N, C-alpha and C. Protein backbone atom coordinates (compact mmCIF):
# COMPACT_ATOMS: atom_id res chain seq x y z
N MET A 1 29.72 -14.64 18.57
CA MET A 1 28.64 -14.91 19.44
C MET A 1 28.14 -16.46 19.15
N THR A 2 27.38 -16.63 19.83
CA THR A 2 26.47 -17.50 19.73
C THR A 2 25.67 -17.98 20.61
N VAL A 3 24.43 -18.68 19.40
CA VAL A 3 22.81 -18.35 20.38
C VAL A 3 22.57 -19.93 20.23
N GLU A 4 21.94 -19.95 21.16
CA GLU A 4 21.42 -21.45 21.86
C GLU A 4 19.95 -21.39 21.88
N THR A 5 19.12 -22.50 21.24
CA THR A 5 18.20 -22.54 20.98
C THR A 5 17.94 -24.04 22.03
N VAL A 6 16.69 -23.35 22.95
CA VAL A 6 16.17 -25.25 23.79
C VAL A 6 14.79 -25.37 23.05
N VAL A 7 15.03 -26.90 22.72
CA VAL A 7 13.36 -27.25 22.38
C VAL A 7 13.23 -28.51 23.08
N ASP A 8 12.20 -28.19 24.06
CA ASP A 8 11.72 -29.07 25.18
C ASP A 8 10.27 -29.87 24.77
N PHE A 9 9.95 -31.16 24.44
CA PHE A 9 9.13 -31.24 23.83
C PHE A 9 8.17 -31.93 25.39
N ARG A 10 8.39 -32.06 26.59
CA ARG A 10 7.42 -32.34 27.89
C ARG A 10 6.75 -31.24 28.35
N LYS A 11 5.08 -32.12 28.48
CA LYS A 11 4.35 -31.40 29.14
C LYS A 11 4.41 -30.43 30.01
N ASN A 12 5.25 -30.26 31.27
CA ASN A 12 5.85 -30.13 31.94
C ASN A 12 6.84 -29.55 31.79
N ALA A 13 7.02 -28.58 31.00
CA ALA A 13 8.50 -28.09 30.49
C ALA A 13 9.36 -27.49 31.57
N ALA A 14 10.32 -27.34 31.67
CA ALA A 14 11.05 -26.97 33.15
C ALA A 14 11.29 -25.31 32.48
N PRO A 15 11.29 -24.15 33.70
CA PRO A 15 11.42 -23.03 33.01
C PRO A 15 12.88 -22.82 32.69
N PRO A 16 12.97 -22.24 31.21
CA PRO A 16 14.42 -22.16 30.55
C PRO A 16 15.40 -21.42 31.55
N ALA A 17 16.58 -21.59 31.52
CA ALA A 17 17.12 -20.58 32.20
C ALA A 17 17.43 -19.31 31.66
N PRO A 18 17.43 -18.33 32.48
CA PRO A 18 17.44 -17.02 32.51
C PRO A 18 18.45 -16.58 30.77
N ILE A 19 18.06 -15.66 30.12
CA ILE A 19 19.13 -15.79 28.56
C ILE A 19 20.40 -14.12 29.27
N THR A 20 20.95 -14.30 28.78
CA THR A 20 21.91 -13.19 28.76
C THR A 20 22.75 -12.27 27.77
N LEU A 21 22.05 -11.17 27.25
CA LEU A 21 23.06 -10.26 26.11
C LEU A 21 23.66 -9.16 26.41
N CYS A 22 24.76 -9.27 26.21
CA CYS A 22 26.11 -8.42 26.39
C CYS A 22 25.46 -7.86 27.78
N ASP A 23 25.85 -9.10 28.84
CA ASP A 23 25.39 -9.13 30.07
C ASP A 23 24.73 -8.21 30.58
N SER A 24 23.30 -8.00 29.62
CA SER A 24 21.98 -7.82 30.30
C SER A 24 20.95 -8.81 30.42
N PRO A 25 20.58 -8.79 31.26
CA PRO A 25 19.34 -10.09 30.77
C PRO A 25 18.01 -9.61 29.90
N VAL A 26 17.40 -10.60 29.56
CA VAL A 26 16.37 -10.63 28.65
C VAL A 26 15.21 -11.00 29.07
N THR A 27 13.98 -10.26 29.16
CA THR A 27 12.91 -10.75 29.61
C THR A 27 12.07 -11.05 28.29
N ALA A 28 11.08 -12.14 29.11
CA ALA A 28 10.63 -12.69 27.97
C ALA A 28 9.06 -11.49 28.25
N VAL A 29 8.36 -11.53 27.32
CA VAL A 29 7.02 -10.45 27.20
C VAL A 29 5.72 -11.65 26.43
N LYS A 30 4.62 -10.76 26.86
CA LYS A 30 3.74 -11.52 26.10
C LYS A 30 3.72 -11.43 25.05
N SER A 31 3.78 -10.52 24.06
CA SER A 31 3.49 -9.92 22.78
C SER A 31 4.23 -8.25 22.67
N PHE A 32 4.83 -8.43 21.32
CA PHE A 32 5.97 -7.81 21.04
C PHE A 32 5.30 -7.14 19.47
N ARG A 33 5.94 -6.20 19.06
CA ARG A 33 4.95 -5.79 17.88
C ARG A 33 6.47 -5.38 17.02
N ILE A 34 6.59 -6.08 15.75
CA ILE A 34 7.43 -5.92 14.68
C ILE A 34 6.56 -5.36 13.52
N LEU A 35 7.45 -4.40 12.99
CA LEU A 35 7.09 -3.94 11.42
C LEU A 35 5.27 -3.83 11.69
N GLY A 36 4.71 -3.00 12.55
CA GLY A 36 3.52 -2.76 12.55
C GLY A 36 2.45 -4.09 13.35
N THR A 37 3.22 -5.85 12.69
CA THR A 37 2.55 -7.00 13.39
C THR A 37 2.41 -7.27 14.46
N ILE A 38 1.75 -7.12 15.52
CA ILE A 38 1.65 -7.82 17.14
C ILE A 38 1.97 -9.50 16.87
N ILE A 39 3.25 -9.67 17.25
CA ILE A 39 3.19 -10.77 17.51
C ILE A 39 3.38 -11.51 19.20
N ALA A 40 1.93 -12.33 19.19
CA ALA A 40 1.78 -13.31 21.13
C ALA A 40 2.47 -14.15 21.40
N GLN A 41 2.92 -14.15 22.28
CA GLN A 41 4.00 -15.28 23.06
C GLN A 41 3.69 -16.86 22.34
N GLU A 42 1.62 -17.13 22.56
CA GLU A 42 1.42 -17.84 22.15
C GLU A 42 0.90 -18.48 20.62
N LEU A 43 1.83 -17.32 19.64
CA LEU A 43 1.28 -17.28 18.33
C LEU A 43 -0.02 -17.38 18.14
N LYS A 44 -1.03 -16.33 18.81
CA LYS A 44 -2.17 -16.00 18.67
C LYS A 44 -2.48 -14.73 18.07
N TRP A 45 -3.27 -14.59 17.13
CA TRP A 45 -2.91 -13.55 16.00
C TRP A 45 -4.69 -12.50 16.61
N GLU A 46 -5.22 -12.26 17.64
CA GLU A 46 -6.61 -12.09 18.16
C GLU A 46 -6.10 -10.54 18.20
N GLN A 47 -4.98 -10.33 18.88
CA GLN A 47 -4.46 -8.98 19.26
C GLN A 47 -3.81 -8.39 18.13
N ASN A 48 -3.32 -8.60 17.01
CA ASN A 48 -3.06 -8.24 16.09
C ASN A 48 -3.86 -7.50 14.97
N ILE A 49 -5.31 -9.07 15.48
CA ILE A 49 -5.81 -8.25 14.19
C ILE A 49 -7.01 -7.14 14.90
N SER A 50 -7.32 -7.13 16.12
CA SER A 50 -8.20 -5.92 16.85
C SER A 50 -7.11 -5.03 16.40
N SER A 51 -6.38 -4.60 16.69
CA SER A 51 -5.55 -3.77 16.99
C SER A 51 -5.74 -3.20 14.50
N LEU A 52 -5.46 -3.99 13.76
CA LEU A 52 -5.75 -3.84 12.43
C LEU A 52 -7.28 -3.38 12.28
N ILE A 53 -8.12 -3.88 12.96
CA ILE A 53 -10.00 -3.42 12.73
C ILE A 53 -9.92 -1.67 13.22
N GLN A 54 -9.52 -2.00 14.59
CA GLN A 54 -9.24 -0.57 14.95
C GLN A 54 -8.94 0.80 14.10
N LYS A 55 -7.47 0.97 13.47
CA LYS A 55 -7.20 1.35 12.84
C LYS A 55 -7.89 1.71 11.74
N ALA A 56 -8.76 0.47 10.75
CA ALA A 56 -9.27 0.69 9.90
C ALA A 56 -10.44 1.45 9.48
N GLN A 57 -11.24 1.16 11.33
CA GLN A 57 -12.68 1.93 11.62
C GLN A 57 -12.21 2.88 11.65
N GLN A 58 -10.66 3.56 12.08
CA GLN A 58 -10.64 4.81 11.98
C GLN A 58 -10.83 5.50 11.38
N ARG A 59 -10.23 5.21 10.18
CA ARG A 59 -10.06 5.53 8.83
C ARG A 59 -11.54 5.68 8.29
N MET A 60 -12.55 4.90 8.65
CA MET A 60 -13.63 4.83 7.83
C MET A 60 -14.40 6.36 7.93
N PHE A 61 -14.33 6.87 8.81
CA PHE A 61 -14.22 8.36 9.17
C PHE A 61 -14.47 9.22 8.07
N PHE A 62 -13.15 9.01 7.43
CA PHE A 62 -13.13 9.82 6.51
C PHE A 62 -13.22 9.14 5.01
N LEU A 63 -13.67 7.78 4.95
CA LEU A 63 -14.34 7.79 3.65
C LEU A 63 -15.95 8.13 3.74
N LYS A 64 -16.42 8.09 5.18
CA LYS A 64 -17.72 8.40 4.78
C LYS A 64 -17.77 10.32 4.71
N GLN A 65 -16.76 10.69 5.08
CA GLN A 65 -16.96 12.25 4.82
C GLN A 65 -16.54 12.54 3.58
N LEU A 66 -15.91 11.58 2.73
CA LEU A 66 -15.65 11.71 1.38
C LEU A 66 -17.20 11.49 0.26
N LYS A 67 -17.76 10.86 0.69
CA LYS A 67 -19.32 10.30 0.52
C LYS A 67 -19.96 11.49 0.28
N LYS A 68 -19.75 12.34 1.62
CA LYS A 68 -20.79 13.48 2.24
C LYS A 68 -20.84 14.68 0.94
N PHE A 69 -19.33 14.69 0.64
CA PHE A 69 -18.99 15.33 -0.80
C PHE A 69 -18.89 14.92 -2.30
N ASN A 70 -19.77 13.95 -2.19
CA ASN A 70 -20.11 13.19 -3.69
C ASN A 70 -18.76 13.00 -4.31
N LEU A 71 -17.43 12.30 -3.66
CA LEU A 71 -16.27 12.26 -4.54
C LEU A 71 -16.13 10.51 -4.54
N PRO A 72 -16.68 9.94 -5.49
CA PRO A 72 -16.88 8.55 -5.50
C PRO A 72 -14.81 8.27 -6.19
N GLN A 73 -14.50 8.47 -7.23
CA GLN A 73 -13.31 8.09 -7.40
C GLN A 73 -11.85 7.81 -6.21
N THR A 74 -12.12 9.29 -5.24
CA THR A 74 -11.42 9.59 -4.22
C THR A 74 -11.90 8.11 -3.34
N MET A 75 -13.22 8.11 -3.44
CA MET A 75 -13.39 7.27 -1.99
C MET A 75 -12.69 5.31 -3.02
N VAL A 76 -12.92 5.28 -4.18
CA VAL A 76 -12.47 4.40 -4.28
C VAL A 76 -10.79 4.21 -3.71
N ASN A 77 -9.82 5.20 -4.19
CA ASN A 77 -9.02 5.56 -4.11
C ASN A 77 -8.58 5.31 -2.51
N PHE A 78 -9.06 6.14 -1.77
CA PHE A 78 -8.94 6.34 -0.30
C PHE A 78 -9.37 4.95 0.26
N TYR A 79 -10.03 4.02 0.00
CA TYR A 79 -10.04 2.64 0.38
C TYR A 79 -9.32 1.54 0.16
N THR A 80 -8.70 2.12 -0.82
CA THR A 80 -7.56 0.96 -1.44
C THR A 80 -6.41 1.43 -0.79
N SER A 81 -5.75 2.61 -0.67
CA SER A 81 -4.68 2.65 -0.41
C SER A 81 -4.67 2.57 0.96
N ILE A 82 -5.74 3.16 1.66
CA ILE A 82 -5.41 3.29 3.08
C ILE A 82 -5.97 2.83 3.72
N ILE A 83 -7.45 1.43 3.45
CA ILE A 83 -8.28 0.68 4.57
C ILE A 83 -7.39 -0.69 4.68
N GLU A 84 -8.00 -0.92 2.88
CA GLU A 84 -7.52 -1.77 2.35
C GLU A 84 -6.02 -2.16 2.58
N SER A 85 -5.29 -1.36 2.88
CA SER A 85 -3.97 -1.99 3.04
C SER A 85 -3.52 -2.09 4.58
N ILE A 86 -4.54 -1.73 5.06
CA ILE A 86 -3.86 -1.62 6.54
C ILE A 86 -4.82 -2.86 6.94
N LEU A 87 -6.14 -3.36 6.53
CA LEU A 87 -6.68 -4.97 6.59
C LEU A 87 -5.57 -6.31 6.24
N THR A 88 -4.87 -5.71 4.85
CA THR A 88 -3.95 -6.90 4.44
C THR A 88 -2.32 -6.49 4.60
N SER A 89 -2.30 -6.09 5.80
CA SER A 89 -0.61 -6.06 6.47
C SER A 89 -0.42 -7.07 6.79
N SER A 90 0.72 -7.45 6.49
CA SER A 90 1.33 -9.41 6.77
C SER A 90 0.18 -10.14 6.65
N ILE A 91 -0.62 -9.75 6.06
CA ILE A 91 -1.92 -10.98 5.64
C ILE A 91 -1.39 -12.27 6.06
N THR A 92 -0.26 -12.51 4.95
CA THR A 92 0.44 -13.59 4.60
C THR A 92 0.78 -14.57 6.41
N ILE A 93 1.04 -13.95 6.99
CA ILE A 93 1.51 -13.91 8.01
C ILE A 93 0.62 -14.69 9.00
N TRP A 94 -0.64 -14.01 8.93
CA TRP A 94 -1.92 -14.14 10.44
C TRP A 94 -2.95 -15.25 10.04
N TYR A 95 -3.11 -14.80 8.81
CA TYR A 95 -4.25 -15.06 7.97
C TYR A 95 -4.88 -16.75 8.36
N ALA A 96 -4.10 -17.21 7.87
CA ALA A 96 -4.01 -19.21 7.90
C ALA A 96 -4.47 -19.57 9.42
N ALA A 97 -3.84 -18.61 10.72
CA ALA A 97 -4.25 -18.92 11.98
C ALA A 97 -5.24 -18.12 12.25
N ALA A 98 -6.08 -17.48 11.67
CA ALA A 98 -7.21 -16.02 12.34
C ALA A 98 -8.30 -17.31 12.44
N THR A 99 -8.79 -16.97 13.40
CA THR A 99 -10.31 -17.78 13.94
C THR A 99 -11.04 -17.23 13.09
N ASP A 100 -12.56 -17.81 12.73
CA ASP A 100 -13.45 -18.05 11.93
C ASP A 100 -14.07 -16.51 13.08
N LYS A 101 -13.92 -16.27 14.05
CA LYS A 101 -14.80 -14.90 15.08
C LYS A 101 -13.74 -13.90 14.47
N ASP A 102 -12.54 -13.72 14.03
CA ASP A 102 -11.72 -12.94 13.63
C ASP A 102 -11.62 -12.23 12.02
N LYS A 103 -12.08 -13.49 11.77
CA LYS A 103 -11.94 -13.43 10.07
C LYS A 103 -13.45 -12.84 10.06
N GLY A 104 -14.33 -13.26 10.65
CA GLY A 104 -15.91 -12.48 10.68
C GLY A 104 -15.66 -11.42 10.89
N ARG A 105 -14.56 -10.45 11.74
CA ARG A 105 -14.56 -9.23 11.97
C ARG A 105 -14.26 -8.48 11.37
N LEU A 106 -13.36 -9.03 10.64
CA LEU A 106 -12.66 -8.08 9.06
C LEU A 106 -13.65 -8.12 8.42
N GLN A 107 -14.58 -9.47 7.59
CA GLN A 107 -14.91 -8.92 7.02
C GLN A 107 -16.38 -7.98 7.04
N ARG A 108 -16.43 -8.20 8.74
CA ARG A 108 -17.35 -6.79 8.67
C ARG A 108 -17.39 -5.76 8.37
N VAL A 109 -15.75 -4.95 8.22
CA VAL A 109 -15.36 -3.66 8.34
C VAL A 109 -15.19 -3.61 6.91
N ILE A 110 -15.22 -4.53 5.97
CA ILE A 110 -15.00 -4.96 4.81
C ILE A 110 -16.45 -4.31 4.27
N SER A 111 -17.20 -5.00 4.77
CA SER A 111 -18.78 -4.70 4.57
C SER A 111 -19.55 -3.16 4.85
N SER A 112 -18.94 -3.16 6.14
CA SER A 112 -19.73 -1.52 6.21
C SER A 112 -18.54 -0.38 5.20
N ALA A 113 -17.53 -0.62 4.76
CA ALA A 113 -17.34 0.33 3.43
C ALA A 113 -18.06 -0.43 2.20
N GLU A 114 -18.10 -1.35 2.20
CA GLU A 114 -18.97 -1.41 0.75
C GLU A 114 -20.26 -0.57 0.94
N ARG A 115 -21.11 -0.30 2.09
CA ARG A 115 -22.19 -0.09 2.40
C ARG A 115 -22.09 1.69 1.60
N VAL A 116 -20.82 1.91 2.26
CA VAL A 116 -20.29 3.02 2.00
C VAL A 116 -20.71 3.83 1.23
N PHE A 117 -19.57 2.96 0.05
CA PHE A 117 -19.79 2.82 -1.11
C PHE A 117 -21.32 2.74 -2.37
N ALA A 118 -22.11 1.80 -1.43
CA ALA A 118 -23.58 1.72 -1.73
C ALA A 118 -23.38 0.45 -2.77
N ILE A 119 -22.11 -0.15 -2.48
CA ILE A 119 -22.02 -1.50 -3.66
C ILE A 119 -22.93 -2.42 -3.21
N PRO A 120 -23.48 -3.58 -3.97
CA PRO A 120 -23.90 -4.63 -3.06
C PRO A 120 -23.37 -5.83 -2.59
N PRO A 121 -23.53 -5.77 -1.38
CA PRO A 121 -21.96 -7.09 -0.69
C PRO A 121 -21.98 -8.05 -1.90
N ARG A 122 -20.72 -8.26 -1.87
CA ARG A 122 -20.05 -9.31 -3.04
C ARG A 122 -20.01 -10.67 -2.16
N PRO A 123 -21.06 -11.94 -2.75
CA PRO A 123 -20.68 -12.83 -2.35
C PRO A 123 -19.69 -13.73 -1.80
N ALA A 124 -18.75 -13.53 -2.67
CA ALA A 124 -17.60 -14.22 -1.59
C ALA A 124 -17.24 -13.36 -0.19
N ARG A 125 -16.37 -14.40 0.21
CA ARG A 125 -15.94 -13.65 1.71
C ARG A 125 -14.43 -13.23 2.04
N LEU A 126 -13.65 -12.84 2.83
CA LEU A 126 -12.18 -13.63 2.50
C LEU A 126 -12.79 -15.26 2.80
N GLN A 127 -11.07 -15.48 1.88
CA GLN A 127 -11.64 -16.99 1.87
C GLN A 127 -9.83 -17.50 1.84
N ASP A 128 -9.62 -19.17 2.42
CA ASP A 128 -8.08 -19.24 2.51
C ASP A 128 -7.86 -19.39 1.29
N PRO A 129 -6.72 -18.73 0.71
CA PRO A 129 -6.45 -18.88 -0.42
C PRO A 129 -6.20 -20.30 -1.08
N GLU A 130 -6.17 -21.23 0.03
CA GLU A 130 -5.16 -22.64 -0.85
C GLU A 130 -7.02 -23.17 -0.96
N ALA A 131 -8.15 -22.52 -0.78
CA ALA A 131 -9.37 -23.44 -0.71
C ALA A 131 -9.80 -23.50 -2.71
N GLY A 132 -9.54 -22.00 -2.51
CA GLY A 132 -9.83 -22.36 -4.45
C GLY A 132 -9.31 -22.75 -5.54
N ARG A 133 -8.29 -23.69 -4.80
CA ARG A 133 -7.33 -24.72 -5.64
C ARG A 133 -7.61 -25.88 -5.51
């Protein structure tokens, strides 16, 4: 089986020839989910980040419930294992290409969790890993 790759640098590229795999046509999609990460056709990450934020906000309810029961260590464990792991899933792939708007949306979720902990907000925001070097 051979795989053919077409690279076209023209401004108005001609539509590619239809691709068939095992005599079945392969259709182009605008986005798809693989291992929990949504990859868009134009490699923009807004849809993926929105999905991560929605999942994290849904779990914030449980963090607030733990605060009502006055379980601080359990809150920290829950935040680290559930919410933080969602926000950082595949971060090495999408963070560099994320817009400032999307990074701000992520930061608001983190700040919201910090308010639940009643911890003063950290001065350091989400930063580009390369910026500290």
